C-alpha atoms as a PDB file:
ATOM      1  CA  MET A   1     113.130 145.853  99.252  1.00  0.00           C
ATOM      2  CA  GLU A   2     113.565 142.151  98.572  1.00  0.00           C
ATOM      3  CA  THR A   3     111.733 140.658  95.615  1.00  0.00           C
ATOM      4  CA  THR A   4     110.129 137.231  95.742  1.00  0.00           C
ATOM      5  CA  PRO A   5     111.933 134.752  93.426  1.00  0.00           C
ATOM      6  CA  ALA A   6     109.858 133.786  90.401  1.00  0.00           C
ATOM      7  CA  LEU A   7     108.288 130.347  90.582  1.00  0.00           C
ATOM      8  CA  PRO A   8     109.921 127.810  88.246  1.00  0.00           C
ATOM      9  CA  VAL A   9     108.285 126.919  84.952  1.00  0.00           C
ATOM     10  CA  PHE A  10     106.727 123.425  84.967  1.00  0.00           C
ATOM     11  CA  ILE A  11     106.370 121.492  81.711  1.00  0.00           C
ATOM     12  CA  ILE A  12     104.390 118.276  81.228  1.00  0.00           C
ATOM     13  CA  ALA A  13     106.019 116.375  78.346  1.00  0.00           C
ATOM     14  CA  GLU A  14     103.421 113.702  77.679  1.00  0.00           C
ATOM     15  CA  PRO A  15     102.362 112.370  74.232  1.00  0.00           C
ATOM     16  CA  CYS A  16      98.792 111.500  75.266  1.00  0.00           C
ATOM     17  CA  LYS A  17      96.325 114.396  75.599  1.00  0.00           C
ATOM     18  CA  GLU A  18      94.096 112.421  77.985  1.00  0.00           C
ATOM     19  CA  ALA A  19      97.089 111.693  80.215  1.00  0.00           C
ATOM     20  CA  GLN A  20      97.969 115.400  80.168  1.00  0.00           C
ATOM     21  CA  SER A  21      94.486 116.279  81.426  1.00  0.00           C
ATOM     22  CA  GLY A  22      94.708 113.664  84.169  1.00  0.00           C
ATOM     23  CA  LEU A  23      98.106 114.925  85.270  1.00  0.00           C
ATOM     24  CA  HIS A  24      96.834 118.509  85.502  1.00  0.00           C
ATOM     25  CA  GLU A  25      94.204 117.348  87.993  1.00  0.00           C
ATOM     26  CA  ILE A  26      96.667 115.240  90.005  1.00  0.00           C
ATOM     27  CA  LEU A  27      99.277 117.998  90.072  1.00  0.00           C
ATOM     28  CA  ARG A  28      96.971 120.883  90.986  1.00  0.00           C
ATOM     29  CA  ARG A  29      97.601 120.655  94.732  1.00  0.00           C
ATOM     30  CA  PRO A  30     101.219 119.361  94.726  1.00  0.00           C
ATOM     31  CA  LEU A  31     102.306 122.279  92.517  1.00  0.00           C
ATOM     32  CA  GLU A  32     100.307 124.964  94.301  1.00  0.00           C
ATOM     33  CA  ASP A  33     102.625 127.857  95.225  1.00  0.00           C
ATOM     34  CA  LYS A  34     105.638 125.780  94.061  1.00  0.00           C
ATOM     35  CA  THR A  35     105.667 126.305  90.286  1.00  0.00           C
ATOM     36  CA  GLN A  36     103.931 128.245  87.578  1.00  0.00           C
ATOM     37  CA  LYS A  37     100.846 126.753  85.897  1.00  0.00           C
ATOM     38  CA  PRO A  38     102.000 123.673  83.936  1.00  0.00           C
ATOM     39  CA  MET A  39     102.513 123.882  80.181  1.00  0.00           C
ATOM     40  CA  ASP A  40     101.961 120.880  77.891  1.00  0.00           C
ATOM     41  CA  VAL A  41     104.024 119.448  75.042  1.00  0.00           C
ATOM     42  CA  CYS A  42     103.528 116.213  73.103  1.00  0.00           C
ATOM     43  CA  THR A  43     106.930 115.794  71.429  1.00  0.00           C
ATOM     44  CA  CYS A  44     110.570 116.659  72.016  1.00  0.00           C
ATOM     45  CA  THR A  45     110.389 118.883  68.940  1.00  0.00           C
ATOM     46  CA  ASN A  46     107.875 121.013  70.842  1.00  0.00           C
ATOM     47  CA  LEU A  47     109.820 120.710  74.098  1.00  0.00           C
ATOM     48  CA  TRP A  48     113.133 122.175  72.890  1.00  0.00           C
ATOM     49  CA  PRO A  49     111.849 125.731  72.198  1.00  0.00           C
ATOM     50  CA  LEU A  50     110.254 125.873  75.662  1.00  0.00           C
ATOM     51  CA  LEU A  51     113.500 124.827  77.319  1.00  0.00           C
ATOM     52  CA  HIS A  52     115.396 127.393  75.240  1.00  0.00           C
ATOM     53  CA  LYS A  53     113.111 130.086  76.683  1.00  0.00           C
ATOM     54  CA  ASN A  54     113.051 128.547  80.190  1.00  0.00           C
ATOM     55  CA  PRO A  55     116.506 126.997  80.823  1.00  0.00           C
ATOM     56  CA  GLN A  56     115.775 126.381  84.530  1.00  0.00           C
ATOM     57  CA  ALA A  57     112.416 124.681  84.050  1.00  0.00           C
ATOM     58  CA  ILE A  58     111.173 121.518  85.751  1.00  0.00           C
ATOM     59  CA  VAL A  59     110.023 118.866  83.270  1.00  0.00           C
ATOM     60  CA  LEU A  60     107.729 115.939  84.035  1.00  0.00           C
ATOM     61  CA  LEU A  61     108.950 113.719  81.206  1.00  0.00           C
ATOM     62  CA  ASN A  62     107.239 110.664  79.779  1.00  0.00           C
ATOM     63  CA  VAL A  63     110.296 108.852  78.426  1.00  0.00           C
ATOM     64  CA  LEU A  64     108.191 107.383  75.613  1.00  0.00           C
ATOM     65  CA  LEU A  65     107.793 110.642  73.694  1.00  0.00           C
ATOM     66  CA  HIS A  66     107.407 109.798  70.006  1.00  0.00           C
ATOM     67  CA  ASP A  67     110.485 111.399  68.457  1.00  0.00           C
ATOM     68  CA  PHE A  68     113.293 110.485  70.900  1.00  0.00           C
ATOM     69  CA  ASN A  69     113.966 107.623  73.287  1.00  0.00           C
ATOM     70  CA  GLY A  70     114.263 108.363  77.004  1.00  0.00           C
ATOM     71  CA  GLU A  71     118.032 108.332  77.330  1.00  0.00           C
ATOM     72  CA  GLN A  72     118.545 110.388  74.164  1.00  0.00           C
ATOM     73  CA  THR A  73     116.155 113.007  75.517  1.00  0.00           C
ATOM     74  CA  LEU A  74     117.786 113.164  78.951  1.00  0.00           C
ATOM     75  CA  LEU A  75     121.320 113.335  77.534  1.00  0.00           C
ATOM     76  CA  HIS A  76     120.315 116.130  75.164  1.00  0.00           C
ATOM     77  CA  ILE A  77     118.649 118.100  77.977  1.00  0.00           C
ATOM     78  CA  GLN A  78     121.652 117.684  80.282  1.00  0.00           C
ATOM     79  CA  LYS A  79     124.115 118.769  77.574  1.00  0.00           C
ATOM     80  CA  THR A  80     122.073 121.703  76.247  1.00  0.00           C
ATOM     81  CA  TRP A  81     120.221 122.962  79.341  1.00  0.00           C
ATOM     82  CA  PRO A  82     122.154 121.670  82.385  1.00  0.00           C
ATOM     83  CA  GLN A  83     120.016 123.669  84.829  1.00  0.00           C
ATOM     84  CA  VAL A  84     116.776 121.969  83.735  1.00  0.00           C
ATOM     85  CA  SER A  85     115.449 119.457  86.276  1.00  0.00           C
ATOM     86  CA  VAL A  86     113.678 116.321  85.060  1.00  0.00           C
ATOM     87  CA  ILE A  87     111.158 114.043  86.771  1.00  0.00           C
ATOM     88  CA  ILE A  88     110.924 110.793  84.806  1.00  0.00           C
ATOM     89  CA  SER A  89     107.340 109.565  84.453  1.00  0.00           C
ATOM     90  CA  ASN A  90     106.510 106.090  83.200  1.00  0.00           C
ATOM     91  CA  ILE A  91     103.804 103.455  83.545  1.00  0.00           C
ATOM     92  CA  TYR A  92     106.060 100.650  84.765  1.00  0.00           C
ATOM     93  CA  TYR A  93     109.156 100.077  86.887  1.00  0.00           C
ATOM     94  CA  SER A  94     112.551  99.789  85.216  1.00  0.00           C
ATOM     95  CA  VAL A  95     115.953  99.782  86.863  1.00  0.00           C
ATOM     96  CA  THR A  96     117.141 101.651  83.749  1.00  0.00           C
ATOM     97  CA  TYR A  97     115.293 104.757  84.934  1.00  0.00           C
ATOM     98  CA  VAL A  98     116.625 104.372  88.481  1.00  0.00           C
ATOM     99  CA  ASP A  99     120.079 104.281  86.913  1.00  0.00           C
ATOM    100  CA  MET A 100     119.306 107.504  85.039  1.00  0.00           C
ATOM    101  CA  VAL A 101     118.545 109.178  88.365  1.00  0.00           C
ATOM    102  CA  ASN A 102     121.735 107.708  89.850  1.00  0.00           C
ATOM    103  CA  ARG A 103     123.725 109.125  86.922  1.00  0.00           C
ATOM    104  CA  GLY A 104     122.280 112.597  87.436  1.00  0.00           C
ATOM    105  CA  LEU A 105     120.236 112.624  84.215  1.00  0.00           C
ATOM    106  CA  ALA A 106     117.077 113.194  86.268  1.00  0.00           C
ATOM    107  CA  CYS A 107     116.133 114.239  89.800  1.00  0.00           C
ATOM    108  CA  SER A 108     113.318 111.766  90.281  1.00  0.00           C
ATOM    109  CA  TYR A 109     111.503 108.753  88.828  1.00  0.00           C
ATOM    110  CA  ILE A 110     107.772 108.241  89.396  1.00  0.00           C
ATOM    111  CA  ILE A 111     105.686 105.242  88.314  1.00  0.00           C
ATOM    112  CA  LYS A 112     102.313 106.653  87.207  1.00  0.00           C
ATOM    113  CA  SER A 113     100.164 103.768  88.410  1.00  0.00           C
ATOM    114  CA  GLU A 114     101.552 103.983  91.958  1.00  0.00           C
ATOM    115  CA  ALA A 115     101.966 107.740  92.266  1.00  0.00           C
ATOM    116  CA  LEU A 116     100.358 109.732  95.058  1.00  0.00           C
ATOM    117  CA  PRO A 117     100.059 113.533  94.795  1.00  0.00           C
ATOM    118  CA  SER A 118     102.557 113.812  97.655  1.00  0.00           C
ATOM    119  CA  TYR A 119     105.183 112.007  95.544  1.00  0.00           C
ATOM    120  CA  TYR A 120     104.984 114.728  92.896  1.00  0.00           C
ATOM    121  CA  ALA A 121     105.305 117.395  95.590  1.00  0.00           C
ATOM    122  CA  LYS A 122     108.449 115.711  96.954  1.00  0.00           C
ATOM    123  CA  ALA A 123     109.866 115.270  93.449  1.00  0.00           C
ATOM    124  CA  VAL A 124     109.332 118.959  92.662  1.00  0.00           C
ATOM    125  CA  GLU A 125     111.010 119.916  95.935  1.00  0.00           C
ATOM    126  CA  ALA A 126     113.961 117.657  95.054  1.00  0.00           C
ATOM    127  CA  CYS A 127     114.237 119.444  91.694  1.00  0.00           C
ATOM    128  CA  LYS A 128     114.234 122.852  93.369  1.00  0.00           C
ATOM    129  CA  GLN A 129     116.889 121.730  95.864  1.00  0.00           C
ATOM    130  CA  LYS A 130     118.925 119.947  93.161  1.00  0.00           C
ATOM    131  CA  THR A 131     118.707 116.669  95.084  1.00  0.00           C
ATOM    132  CA  LYS A 132     117.146 113.296  94.177  1.00  0.00           C
ATOM    133  CA  TYR A 133     113.932 111.535  95.110  1.00  0.00           C
ATOM    134  CA  LEU A 134     112.698 107.986  94.530  1.00  0.00           C
ATOM    135  CA  THR A 135     109.257 106.866  95.676  1.00  0.00           C
ATOM    136  CA  PRO A 136     108.815 104.177  98.353  1.00  0.00           C
ATOM    137  CA  GLU A 137     107.491 101.753  95.715  1.00  0.00           C
ATOM    138  CA  THR A 138     110.586 102.279  93.596  1.00  0.00           C
ATOM    139  CA  HIS A 139     112.811 101.628  96.602  1.00  0.00           C
ATOM    140  CA  LEU A 140     110.854  98.434  97.244  1.00  0.00           C
ATOM    141  CA  GLN A 141     111.343  97.309  93.637  1.00  0.00           C
ATOM    142  CA  LEU A 142     115.016  98.226  93.892  1.00  0.00           C
ATOM    143  CA  SER A 143     115.462  96.209  97.072  1.00  0.00           C
ATOM    144  CA  SER A 144     113.928  93.122  95.449  1.00  0.00           C
ATOM    145  CA  SER A 145     116.685  93.207  92.831  1.00  0.00           C
ATOM    146  CA  ILE A 146     119.443  93.316  95.452  1.00  0.00           C
ATOM    147  CA  ASN A 147     121.222  90.010  95.780  1.00  0.00           C
ATOM    148  CA  SER A 148     122.405  90.129  99.386  1.00  0.00           C
ATOM    149  CA  GLU A 149     121.578  86.986 101.305  1.00  0.00           C
ATOM    150  CA  THR A 150     124.345  87.427 103.876  1.00  0.00           C
ATOM    151  CA  PRO A 151     122.558  88.035 107.190  1.00  0.00           C
ATOM    152  CA  LEU A 152     123.247  91.242 109.071  1.00  0.00           C
ATOM    153  CA  THR A 153     124.126  91.401 112.734  1.00  0.00           C
ATOM    154  CA  GLU A 154     121.848  93.371 115.048  1.00  0.00           C
ATOM    155  CA  ASP A 155     124.534  96.048 115.337  1.00  0.00           C
ATOM    156  CA  GLU A 156     124.717  96.336 111.535  1.00  0.00           C
ATOM    157  CA  ARG A 157     120.934  96.682 111.334  1.00  0.00           C
ATOM    158  CA  ILE A 158     121.007  99.482 113.893  1.00  0.00           C
ATOM    159  CA  CYS A 159     123.910 101.109 112.067  1.00  0.00           C
ATOM    160  CA  ILE A 160     122.029 101.105 108.746  1.00  0.00           C
ATOM    161  CA  SER A 161     118.880 102.496 110.343  1.00  0.00           C
ATOM    162  CA  LEU A 162     120.753 105.324 112.070  1.00  0.00           C
ATOM    163  CA  THR A 163     122.876 106.099 108.992  1.00  0.00           C
ATOM    164  CA  LEU A 164     119.680 106.581 106.968  1.00  0.00           C
ATOM    165  CA  GLN A 165     118.623 109.055 109.650  1.00  0.00           C
ATOM    166  CA  GLN A 166     121.875 110.987 109.043  1.00  0.00           C
ATOM    167  CA  LYS A 167     123.390 109.932 112.394  1.00  0.00           C
ATOM    168  CA  LYS A 168     127.150 110.148 112.944  1.00  0.00           C
ATOM    169  CA  PRO A 169     129.484 107.394 114.250  1.00  0.00           C
ATOM    170  CA  LYS A 170     129.434 108.888 117.760  1.00  0.00           C
ATOM    171  CA  GLU A 171     125.647 108.457 117.969  1.00  0.00           C
ATOM    172  CA  ILE A 172     125.823 104.987 116.434  1.00  0.00           C
ATOM    173  CA  ALA A 173     128.522 103.965 118.935  1.00  0.00           C
ATOM    174  CA  THR A 174     126.225 104.958 121.808  1.00  0.00           C
ATOM    175  CA  ALA A 175     123.300 103.027 120.322  1.00  0.00           C
ATOM    176  CA  ILE A 176     125.249  99.774 119.841  1.00  0.00           C
ATOM    177  CA  ASN A 177     127.377 100.223 122.980  1.00  0.00           C
ATOM    178  CA  LYS A 178     130.647 100.008 121.060  1.00  0.00           C
ATOM    179  CA  SER A 179     133.650 102.309 120.658  1.00  0.00           C
ATOM    180  CA  TYR A 180     133.587 105.244 118.255  1.00  0.00           C
ATOM    181  CA  TRP A 181     136.170 103.551 116.044  1.00  0.00           C
ATOM    182  CA  THR A 182     134.152 100.336 115.829  1.00  0.00           C
ATOM    183  CA  ALA A 183     131.028 102.270 114.845  1.00  0.00           C
ATOM    184  CA  ASP A 184     132.953 104.390 112.338  1.00  0.00           C
ATOM    185  CA  ARG A 185     134.472 101.318 110.666  1.00  0.00           C
ATOM    186  CA  MET A 186     131.112  99.508 110.601  1.00  0.00           C
ATOM    187  CA  GLN A 187     129.387 102.485 108.979  1.00  0.00           C
ATOM    188  CA  LYS A 188     132.106 102.854 106.340  1.00  0.00           C
ATOM    189  CA  ASP A 189     132.064  99.101 105.602  1.00  0.00           C
ATOM    190  CA  LEU A 190     128.279  99.077 105.130  1.00  0.00           C
ATOM    191  CA  LEU A 191     128.368 102.139 102.890  1.00  0.00           C
ATOM    192  CA  LYS A 192     131.090 100.525 100.775  1.00  0.00           C
ATOM    193  CA  LYS A 193     129.130  97.267 100.616  1.00  0.00           C
ATOM    194  CA  SER A 194     126.051  99.141  99.382  1.00  0.00           C
ATOM    195  CA  GLU A 195     127.928 101.093  96.694  1.00  0.00           C
ATOM    196  CA  LYS A 196     127.606  98.297  94.146  1.00  0.00           C
ATOM    197  CA  PHE A 197     123.825  98.765  94.299  1.00  0.00           C
ATOM    198  CA  GLY A 198     124.070 102.449  93.301  1.00  0.00           C
ATOM    199  CA  GLN A 199     123.471 105.695  95.146  1.00  0.00           C
ATOM    200  CA  PHE A 200     120.320 104.343  96.781  1.00  0.00           C
ATOM    201  CA  GLY A 201     121.916 101.044  97.717  1.00  0.00           C
ATOM    202  CA  LEU A 202     121.877 101.536 101.484  1.00  0.00           C
ATOM    203  CA  LEU A 203     118.161 102.232 101.451  1.00  0.00           C
ATOM    204  CA  GLY A 204     117.692  99.231  99.164  1.00  0.00           C
ATOM    205  CA  LEU A 205     119.558  97.070 101.687  1.00  0.00           C
ATOM    206  CA  ALA A 206     117.343  98.444 104.455  1.00  0.00           C
ATOM    207  CA  PHE A 207     114.214  97.391 102.536  1.00  0.00           C
ATOM    208  CA  HIS A 208     115.758  94.078 101.519  1.00  0.00           C
ATOM    209  CA  HIS A 209     116.525  93.137 105.125  1.00  0.00           C
ATOM    210  CA  ARG A 210     113.263  94.690 106.395  1.00  0.00           C
ATOM    211  CA  ILE A 211     115.071  97.182 108.605  1.00  0.00           C
ATOM    212  CA  ILE A 212     112.501  99.659 107.333  1.00  0.00           C
ATOM    213  CA  THR A 213     109.293  99.098 105.374  1.00  0.00           C
ATOM    214  CA  MET A 214     107.385 101.108 102.796  1.00  0.00           C
ATOM    215  CA  GLU A 215     104.797 101.969 105.464  1.00  0.00           C
ATOM    216  CA  MET A 216     107.543 103.443 107.665  1.00  0.00           C
ATOM    217  CA  VAL A 217     108.755 105.578 104.764  1.00  0.00           C
ATOM    218  CA  LYS A 218     105.239 106.812 103.992  1.00  0.00           C
ATOM    219  CA  GLY A 219     104.846 107.560 107.692  1.00  0.00           C
ATOM    220  CA  GLY A 220     107.745 109.969 107.562  1.00  0.00           C
ATOM    221  CA  MET A 221     110.817 108.081 108.737  1.00  0.00           C
ATOM    222  CA  ARG A 222     112.522 109.013 105.503  1.00  0.00           C
ATOM    223  CA  GLN A 223     111.342 110.916 102.499  1.00  0.00           C
END
């Protein structure tokens, strides 16, 4: 008889008690049937023993905990408990935190003031799948920092859109009415061009050039 896997432990690492209470209310539905009931800590000193007991936990981490800075905390977690998944939580946007996700120090980054319950649900799912998730607002902020004024051709725009939908060169070639080799080279060139903007660079380019919009992402084109 197969046993149901235990739900992961969820820890809210937040220095403000009022913020903890607010997060419990926001997270009630997103975490339903996905994790155990959240536990609260106010400092890293309190967080370490919980992670020692639960080395595969998911942590919603306010990077402004009193006794460590954000990067110190994430580096320590990654080195000591590599199976722990972290969702960075902060009140404002910073490319530093996007970079932390890019570097694998966290699975997700959520800006509190812009967060919808569905964002937390997607972030938790990313943690469970060991993938990464950035919110539409973060992608929009990221795209605004991309310095890419070179216009794209219509074929390149189509190629970016289809690549974000996980389409292969053969499908792109059909869409732009070009040979497979032309589509393959175009896709590789665009991916290489976007590399300098980090792992999420292609999506940033898509926002920057308005190939997709935040409303399209919220509507389900891409999570």
